[in-house]
PDB file of N, CA and C in Angstrom:
ATOM      1  N   MET A   1     -15.609  10.627-152.947  1.00  0.00           N
ATOM      2  CA  MET A   1     -16.863  11.211-152.524  1.00  0.00           C
ATOM      3  C   MET A   1     -16.811  12.700-152.885  1.00  0.00           C
ATOM      4  N   THR A   2     -17.818  13.106-153.566  1.00  0.00           N
ATOM      5  CA  THR A   2     -17.843  14.509-153.983  1.00  0.00           C
ATOM      6  C   THR A   2     -18.358  15.398-152.871  1.00  0.00           C
ATOM      7  N   LYS A   3     -18.129  16.679-153.048  1.00  0.00           N
ATOM      8  CA  LYS A   3     -18.556  17.663-152.059  1.00  0.00           C
ATOM      9  C   LYS A   3     -20.081  17.660-151.921  1.00  0.00           C
ATOM     10  N   GLU A   4     -20.793  17.508-153.024  1.00  0.00           N
ATOM     11  CA  GLU A   4     -22.268  17.509-152.995  1.00  0.00           C
ATOM     12  C   GLU A   4     -22.815  16.304-152.226  1.00  0.00           C
ATOM     13  N   ILE A   5     -22.202  15.143-152.414  1.00  0.00           N
ATOM     14  CA  ILE A   5     -22.647  13.947-151.701  1.00  0.00           C
ATOM     15  C   ILE A   5     -22.399  14.105-150.209  1.00  0.00           C
ATOM     16  N   LEU A   6     -21.247  14.638-149.860  1.00  0.00           N
ATOM     17  CA  LEU A   6     -20.920  14.856-148.453  1.00  0.00           C
ATOM     18  C   LEU A   6     -21.900  15.825-147.808  1.00  0.00           C
ATOM     19  N   ILE A   7     -22.211  16.907-148.485  1.00  0.00           N
ATOM     20  CA  ILE A   7     -23.170  17.888-147.969  1.00  0.00           C
ATOM     21  C   ILE A   7     -24.545  17.252-147.806  1.00  0.00           C
ATOM     22  N   ALA A   8     -24.979  16.455-148.793  1.00  0.00           N
ATOM     23  CA  ALA A   8     -26.284  15.781-148.711  1.00  0.00           C
ATOM     24  C   ALA A   8     -26.321  14.808-147.539  1.00  0.00           C
ATOM     25  N   ASP A   9     -25.230  14.078-147.301  1.00  0.00           N
ATOM     26  CA  ASP A   9     -25.170  13.150-146.168  1.00  0.00           C
ATOM     27  C   ASP A   9     -25.256  13.892-144.840  1.00  0.00           C
ATOM     28  N   ILE A  10     -24.583  15.020-144.742  1.00  0.00           N
ATOM     29  CA  ILE A  10     -24.624  15.817-143.510  1.00  0.00           C
ATOM     30  C   ILE A  10     -26.026  16.348-143.266  1.00  0.00           C
ATOM     31  N   ILE A  11     -26.659  16.838-144.311  1.00  0.00           N
ATOM     32  CA  ILE A  11     -28.031  17.355-144.174  1.00  0.00           C
ATOM     33  C   ILE A  11     -28.974  16.247-143.738  1.00  0.00           C
ATOM     34  N   ASP A  12     -28.855  15.056-144.336  1.00  0.00           N
ATOM     35  CA  ASP A  12     -29.704  13.921-143.940  1.00  0.00           C
ATOM     36  C   ASP A  12     -29.500  13.572-142.471  1.00  0.00           C
ATOM     37  N   GLU A  13     -28.249  13.573-142.033  1.00  0.00           N
ATOM     38  CA  GLU A  13     -27.949  13.230-140.638  1.00  0.00           C
ATOM     39  C   GLU A  13     -28.530  14.261-139.679  1.00  0.00           C
ATOM     40  N   VAL A  14     -28.375  15.527-139.992  1.00  0.00           N
ATOM     41  CA  VAL A  14     -28.906  16.590-139.127  1.00  0.00           C
ATOM     42  C   VAL A  14     -30.429  16.532-139.096  1.00  0.00           C
ATOM     43  N   GLU A  15     -31.055  16.274-140.230  1.00  0.00           N
ATOM     44  CA  GLU A  15     -32.518  16.158-140.259  1.00  0.00           C
ATOM     45  C   GLU A  15     -32.986  14.977-139.405  1.00  0.00           C
ATOM     46  N   GLU A  16     -32.215  13.908-139.386  1.00  0.00           N
ATOM     47  CA  GLU A  16     -32.570  12.762-138.545  1.00  0.00           C
ATOM     48  C   GLU A  16     -32.474  13.123-137.070  1.00  0.00           C
ATOM     49  N   TRP A  17     -31.497  13.950-136.718  1.00  0.00           N
ATOM     50  CA  TRP A  17     -31.326  14.361-135.323  1.00  0.00           C
ATOM     51  C   TRP A  17     -32.494  15.198-134.831  1.00  0.00           C
ATOM     52  N   THR A  18     -33.171  15.917-135.722  1.00  0.00           N
ATOM     53  CA  THR A  18     -34.248  16.805-135.288  1.00  0.00           C
ATOM     54  C   THR A  18     -35.399  16.047-134.647  1.00  0.00           C
ATOM     55  N   GLN A  19     -35.546  14.758-134.967  1.00  0.00           N
ATOM     56  CA  GLN A  19     -36.629  13.986-134.349  1.00  0.00           C
ATOM     57  C   GLN A  19     -36.399  13.776-132.851  1.00  0.00           C
ATOM     58  N   PHE A  20     -35.155  13.988-132.400  1.00  0.00           N
ATOM     59  CA  PHE A  20     -34.832  13.791-130.993  1.00  0.00           C
ATOM     60  C   PHE A  20     -35.008  15.052-130.156  1.00  0.00           C
ATOM     61  N   PHE A  21     -35.298  16.167-130.804  1.00  0.00           N
ATOM     62  CA  PHE A  21     -35.455  17.423-130.086  1.00  0.00           C
ATOM     63  C   PHE A  21     -36.614  17.310-129.102  1.00  0.00           C
ATOM     64  N   GLY A  22     -36.387  17.648-127.860  1.00  0.00           N
ATOM     65  CA  GLY A  22     -37.422  17.640-126.842  1.00  0.00           C
ATOM     66  C   GLY A  22     -37.554  16.329-126.090  1.00  0.00           C
ATOM     67  N   LEU A  23     -36.827  15.292-126.497  1.00  0.00           N
ATOM     68  CA  LEU A  23     -36.900  14.025-125.777  1.00  0.00           C
ATOM     69  C   LEU A  23     -36.053  14.097-124.509  1.00  0.00           C
ATOM     70  N   ILE A  24     -36.511  13.407-123.489  1.00  0.00           N
ATOM     71  CA  ILE A  24     -35.725  13.335-122.259  1.00  0.00           C
ATOM     72  C   ILE A  24     -34.682  12.223-122.433  1.00  0.00           C
ATOM     73  N   PRO A  25     -33.634  12.234-121.622  1.00  0.00           N
ATOM     74  CA  PRO A  25     -32.573  11.232-121.786  1.00  0.00           C
ATOM     75  C   PRO A  25     -33.074   9.780-121.791  1.00  0.00           C
ATOM     76  N   ASP A  26     -34.041   9.455-120.935  1.00  0.00           N
ATOM     77  CA  ASP A  26     -34.566   8.088-120.913  1.00  0.00           C
ATOM     78  C   ASP A  26     -35.188   7.700-122.252  1.00  0.00           C
ATOM     79  N   GLU A  27     -35.874   8.630-122.889  1.00  0.00           N
ATOM     80  CA  GLU A  27     -36.484   8.356-124.184  1.00  0.00           C
ATOM     81  C   GLU A  27     -35.409   8.190-125.266  1.00  0.00           C
ATOM     82  N   LEU A  28     -34.351   8.991-125.180  1.00  0.00           N
ATOM     83  CA  LEU A  28     -33.241   8.853-126.130  1.00  0.00           C
ATOM     84  C   LEU A  28     -32.560   7.492-125.994  1.00  0.00           C
ATOM     85  N   ILE A  29     -32.333   7.080-124.758  1.00  0.00           N
ATOM     86  CA  ILE A  29     -31.703   5.786-124.515  1.00  0.00           C
ATOM     87  C   ILE A  29     -32.595   4.664-125.011  1.00  0.00           C
ATOM     88  N   GLU A  30     -33.881   4.749-124.724  1.00  0.00           N
ATOM     89  CA  GLU A  30     -34.819   3.717-125.183  1.00  0.00           C
ATOM     90  C   GLU A  30     -34.830   3.626-126.703  1.00  0.00           C
ATOM     91  N   TRP A  31     -34.836   4.778-127.378  1.00  0.00           N
ATOM     92  CA  TRP A  31     -34.823   4.766-128.847  1.00  0.00           C
ATOM     93  C   TRP A  31     -33.527   4.149-129.373  1.00  0.00           C
ATOM     94  N   ASP A  32     -32.408   4.556-128.789  1.00  0.00           N
ATOM     95  CA  ASP A  32     -31.115   4.064-129.248  1.00  0.00           C
ATOM     96  C   ASP A  32     -30.994   2.559-129.046  1.00  0.00           C
ATOM     97  N   MET A  33     -31.444   2.076-127.904  1.00  0.00           N
ATOM     98  CA  MET A  33     -31.327   0.648-127.617  1.00  0.00           C
ATOM     99  C   MET A  33     -32.236  -0.193-128.509  1.00  0.00           C
ATOM    100  N   SER A  34     -33.299   0.377-129.025  1.00  0.00           N
ATOM    101  CA  SER A  34     -34.202  -0.404-129.865  1.00  0.00           C
ATOM    102  C   SER A  34     -33.930  -0.216-131.358  1.00  0.00           C
ATOM    103  N   HIS A  35     -33.039   0.711-131.711  1.00  0.00           N
ATOM    104  CA  HIS A  35     -32.758   0.954-133.129  1.00  0.00           C
ATOM    105  C   HIS A  35     -31.292   0.769-133.503  1.00  0.00           C
ATOM    106  N   SER A  36     -30.468   0.327-132.593  1.00  0.00           N
ATOM    107  CA  SER A  36     -29.060   0.152-132.921  1.00  0.00           C
ATOM    108  C   SER A  36     -28.854  -1.193-133.611  1.00  0.00           C
ATOM    109  N   LEU A  37     -27.597  -1.600-133.793  1.00  0.00           N
ATOM    110  CA  LEU A  37     -27.310  -2.848-134.497  1.00  0.00           C
ATOM    111  C   LEU A  37     -27.967  -4.048-133.839  1.00  0.00           C
ATOM    112  N   GLY A  38     -28.060  -4.035-132.562  1.00  0.00           N
ATOM    113  CA  GLY A  38     -28.707  -5.121-131.845  1.00  0.00           C
ATOM    114  C   GLY A  38     -29.528  -4.565-130.715  1.00  0.00           C
ATOM    115  N   LYS A  39     -30.583  -5.251-130.396  1.00  0.00           N
ATOM    116  CA  LYS A  39     -31.409  -4.827-129.277  1.00  0.00           C
ATOM    117  C   LYS A  39     -30.610  -4.975-127.983  1.00  0.00           C
ATOM    118  N   CYS A  40     -31.044  -4.303-126.946  1.00  0.00           N
ATOM    119  CA  CYS A  40     -30.303  -4.355-125.688  1.00  0.00           C
ATOM    120  C   CYS A  40     -30.394  -5.734-125.034  1.00  0.00           C
ATOM    121  N   THR A  41     -31.266  -6.597-125.528  1.00  0.00           N
ATOM    122  CA  THR A  41     -31.374  -7.952-124.978  1.00  0.00           C
ATOM    123  C   THR A  41     -30.752  -8.985-125.905  1.00  0.00           C
ATOM    124  N   ASP A  42     -30.117  -8.556-126.986  1.00  0.00           N
ATOM    125  CA  ASP A  42     -29.530  -9.464-127.957  1.00  0.00           C
ATOM    126  C   ASP A  42     -28.024  -9.448-127.788  1.00  0.00           C
ATOM    127  N   PHE A  43     -27.497 -10.420-127.059  1.00  0.00           N
ATOM    128  CA  PHE A  43     -26.077 -10.445-126.746  1.00  0.00           C
ATOM    129  C   PHE A  43     -25.378 -11.669-127.320  1.00  0.00           C
ATOM    130  N   GLU A  44     -25.854 -12.192-128.449  1.00  0.00           N
ATOM    131  CA  GLU A  44     -25.261 -13.403-129.002  1.00  0.00           C
ATOM    132  C   GLU A  44     -23.793 -13.215-129.351  1.00  0.00           C
ATOM    133  N   ILE A  45     -23.444 -12.083-129.939  1.00  0.00           N
ATOM    134  CA  ILE A  45     -22.049 -11.845-130.326  1.00  0.00           C
ATOM    135  C   ILE A  45     -21.176 -11.743-129.078  1.00  0.00           C
ATOM    136  N   GLU A  46     -21.631 -10.972-128.088  1.00  0.00           N
ATOM    137  CA  GLU A  46     -20.858 -10.828-126.863  1.00  0.00           C
ATOM    138  C   GLU A  46     -20.735 -12.160-126.134  1.00  0.00           C
ATOM    139  N   GLN A  47     -21.809 -12.961-126.158  1.00  0.00           N
ATOM    140  CA  GLN A  47     -21.780 -14.269-125.513  1.00  0.00           C
ATOM    141  C   GLN A  47     -20.727 -15.148-126.173  1.00  0.00           C
ATOM    142  N   TYR A  48     -20.700 -15.172-127.490  1.00  0.00           N
ATOM    143  CA  TYR A  48     -19.718 -15.977-128.205  1.00  0.00           C
ATOM    144  C   TYR A  48     -18.300 -15.522-127.882  1.00  0.00           C
ATOM    145  N   GLU A  49     -18.092 -14.202-127.862  1.00  0.00           N
ATOM    146  CA  GLU A  49     -16.762 -13.673-127.563  1.00  0.00           C
ATOM    147  C   GLU A  49     -16.321 -14.046-126.158  1.00  0.00           C
ATOM    148  N   CYS A  50     -17.219 -13.956-125.196  1.00  0.00           N
ATOM    149  CA  CYS A  50     -16.875 -14.288-123.805  1.00  0.00           C
ATOM    150  C   CYS A  50     -16.574 -15.772-123.654  1.00  0.00           C
ATOM    151  N   VAL A  51     -17.411 -16.612-124.268  1.00  0.00           N
ATOM    152  CA  VAL A  51     -17.193 -18.058-124.176  1.00  0.00           C
ATOM    153  C   VAL A  51     -15.862 -18.427-124.803  1.00  0.00           C
ATOM    154  N   THR A  52     -15.548 -17.832-125.929  1.00  0.00           N
ATOM    155  CA  THR A  52     -14.277 -18.106-126.596  1.00  0.00           C
ATOM    156  C   THR A  52     -13.096 -17.676-125.742  1.00  0.00           C
ATOM    157  N   GLU A  53     -13.202 -16.517-125.129  1.00  0.00           N
ATOM    158  CA  GLU A  53     -12.117 -16.028-124.285  1.00  0.00           C
ATOM    159  C   GLU A  53     -11.927 -16.904-123.050  1.00  0.00           C
ATOM    160  N   VAL A  54     -13.021 -17.308-122.417  1.00  0.00           N
ATOM    161  CA  VAL A  54     -12.931 -18.179-121.239  1.00  0.00           C
ATOM    162  C   VAL A  54     -12.322 -19.522-121.633  1.00  0.00           C
ATOM    163  N   ALA A  55     -12.769 -20.084-122.750  1.00  0.00           N
ATOM    164  CA  ALA A  55     -12.226 -21.366-123.203  1.00  0.00           C
ATOM    165  C   ALA A  55     -10.733 -21.253-123.493  1.00  0.00           C
ATOM    166  N   ARG A  56     -10.313 -20.147-124.085  1.00  0.00           N
ATOM    167  CA  ARG A  56      -8.892 -19.941-124.374  1.00  0.00           C
ATOM    168  C   ARG A  56      -8.082 -19.865-123.089  1.00  0.00           C
ATOM    169  N   HIS A  57      -8.614 -19.170-122.076  1.00  0.00           N
ATOM    170  CA  HIS A  57      -7.910 -19.071-120.794  1.00  0.00           C
ATOM    171  C   HIS A  57      -7.810 -20.435-120.113  1.00  0.00           C
ATOM    172  N   ILE A  58      -8.886 -21.203-120.149  1.00  0.00           N
ATOM    173  CA  ILE A  58      -8.868 -22.540-119.534  1.00  0.00           C
ATOM    174  C   ILE A  58      -7.843 -23.422-120.226  1.00  0.00           C
ATOM    175  N   LEU A  59      -7.847 -23.410-121.561  1.00  0.00           N
ATOM    176  CA  LEU A  59      -6.888 -24.212-122.310  1.00  0.00           C
ATOM    177  C   LEU A  59      -5.460 -23.781-121.991  1.00  0.00           C
ATOM    178  N   GLN A  60      -5.208 -22.493-121.916  1.00  0.00           N
ATOM    179  CA  GLN A  60      -3.871 -21.990-121.599  1.00  0.00           C
ATOM    180  C   GLN A  60      -3.431 -22.470-120.219  1.00  0.00           C
ATOM    181  N   GLU A  61      -4.326 -22.410-119.238  1.00  0.00           N
ATOM    182  CA  GLU A  61      -3.991 -22.875-117.888  1.00  0.00           C
ATOM    183  C   GLU A  61      -3.688 -24.365-117.876  1.00  0.00           C
ATOM    184  N   LEU A  62      -4.476 -25.143-118.605  1.00  0.00           N
ATOM    185  CA  LEU A  62      -4.242 -26.585-118.658  1.00  0.00           C
ATOM    186  C   LEU A  62      -2.908 -26.909-119.324  1.00  0.00           C
ATOM    187  N   VAL A  63      -2.591 -26.214-120.386  1.00  0.00           N
ATOM    188  CA  VAL A  63      -1.312 -26.440-121.073  1.00  0.00           C
ATOM    189  C   VAL A  63      -0.160 -26.078-120.144  1.00  0.00           C
ATOM    190  N   GLU A  64      -0.250 -24.954-119.471  1.00  0.00           N
ATOM    191  CA  GLU A  64       0.810 -24.559-118.545  1.00  0.00           C
ATOM    192  C   GLU A  64       0.979 -25.579-117.418  1.00  0.00           C
ATOM    193  N   GLU A  65      -0.133 -26.101-116.921  1.00  0.00           N
ATOM    194  CA  GLU A  65      -0.065 -27.092-115.849  1.00  0.00           C
ATOM    195  C   GLU A  65       0.595 -28.378-116.331  1.00  0.00           C
ATOM    196  N   VAL A  66       0.257 -28.823-117.523  1.00  0.00           N
ATOM    197  CA  VAL A  66       0.867 -30.040-118.074  1.00  0.00           C
ATOM    198  C   VAL A  66       2.366 -29.822-118.289  1.00  0.00           C
ATOM    199  N   VAL A  67       2.744 -28.674-118.813  1.00  0.00           N
ATOM    200  CA  VAL A  67       4.160 -28.385-119.030  1.00  0.00           C
ATOM    201  C   VAL A  67       4.916 -28.368-117.702  1.00  0.00           C
ATOM    202  N   LEU A  68       4.331 -27.746-116.687  1.00  0.00           N
ATOM    203  CA  LEU A  68       4.997 -27.727-115.373  1.00  0.00           C
ATOM    204  C   LEU A  68       5.117 -29.133-114.796  1.00  0.00           C
ATOM    205  N   ASP A  69       4.081 -29.945-114.946  1.00  0.00           N
ATOM    206  CA  ASP A  69       4.126 -31.318-114.459  1.00  0.00           C
ATOM    207  C   ASP A  69       5.201 -32.120-115.178  1.00  0.00           C
ATOM    208  N   LEU A  70       5.288 -31.969-116.490  1.00  0.00           N
ATOM    209  CA  LEU A  70       6.313 -32.691-117.252  1.00  0.00           C
ATOM    210  C   LEU A  70       7.704 -32.207-116.879  1.00  0.00           C
ATOM    211  N   TYR A  71       7.862 -30.918-116.674  1.00  0.00           N
ATOM    212  CA  TYR A  71       9.167 -30.357-116.329  1.00  0.00           C
ATOM    213  C   TYR A  71       9.604 -30.815-114.932  1.00  0.00           C
ATOM    214  N   SER A  72       8.666 -30.825-113.993  1.00  0.00           N
ATOM    215  CA  SER A  72       9.027 -31.170-112.619  1.00  0.00           C
ATOM    216  C   SER A  72       9.244 -32.680-112.443  1.00  0.00           C
ATOM    217  N   SER A  73       8.680 -33.498-113.315  1.00  0.00           N
ATOM    218  CA  SER A  73       8.846 -34.941-113.183  1.00  0.00           C
ATOM    219  C   SER A  73      10.120 -35.452-113.862  1.00  0.00           C
ATOM    220  N   SER A  74      10.783 -34.587-114.607  1.00  0.00           N
ATOM    221  CA  SER A  74      12.007 -35.062-115.294  1.00  0.00           C
ATOM    222  C   SER A  74      13.262 -34.686-114.580  1.00  0.00           C
TER     223      SER A  74
END
């Protein structure tokens, strides 16, 4: 990345920030939540991650229980 490209990127970013001048925090939060990678009501990725983690914990508990049962019965 050249120095000119870096400077142009910084200028673009600062110019984008100027649109937020004078907004109250609630307006900033509302803008951010509606313009980020996902809307504040779109939790499909987080839902998948949570379901996967819960399923992994359940499976781990079941495996541990079966191992303990097999160990204690022998």
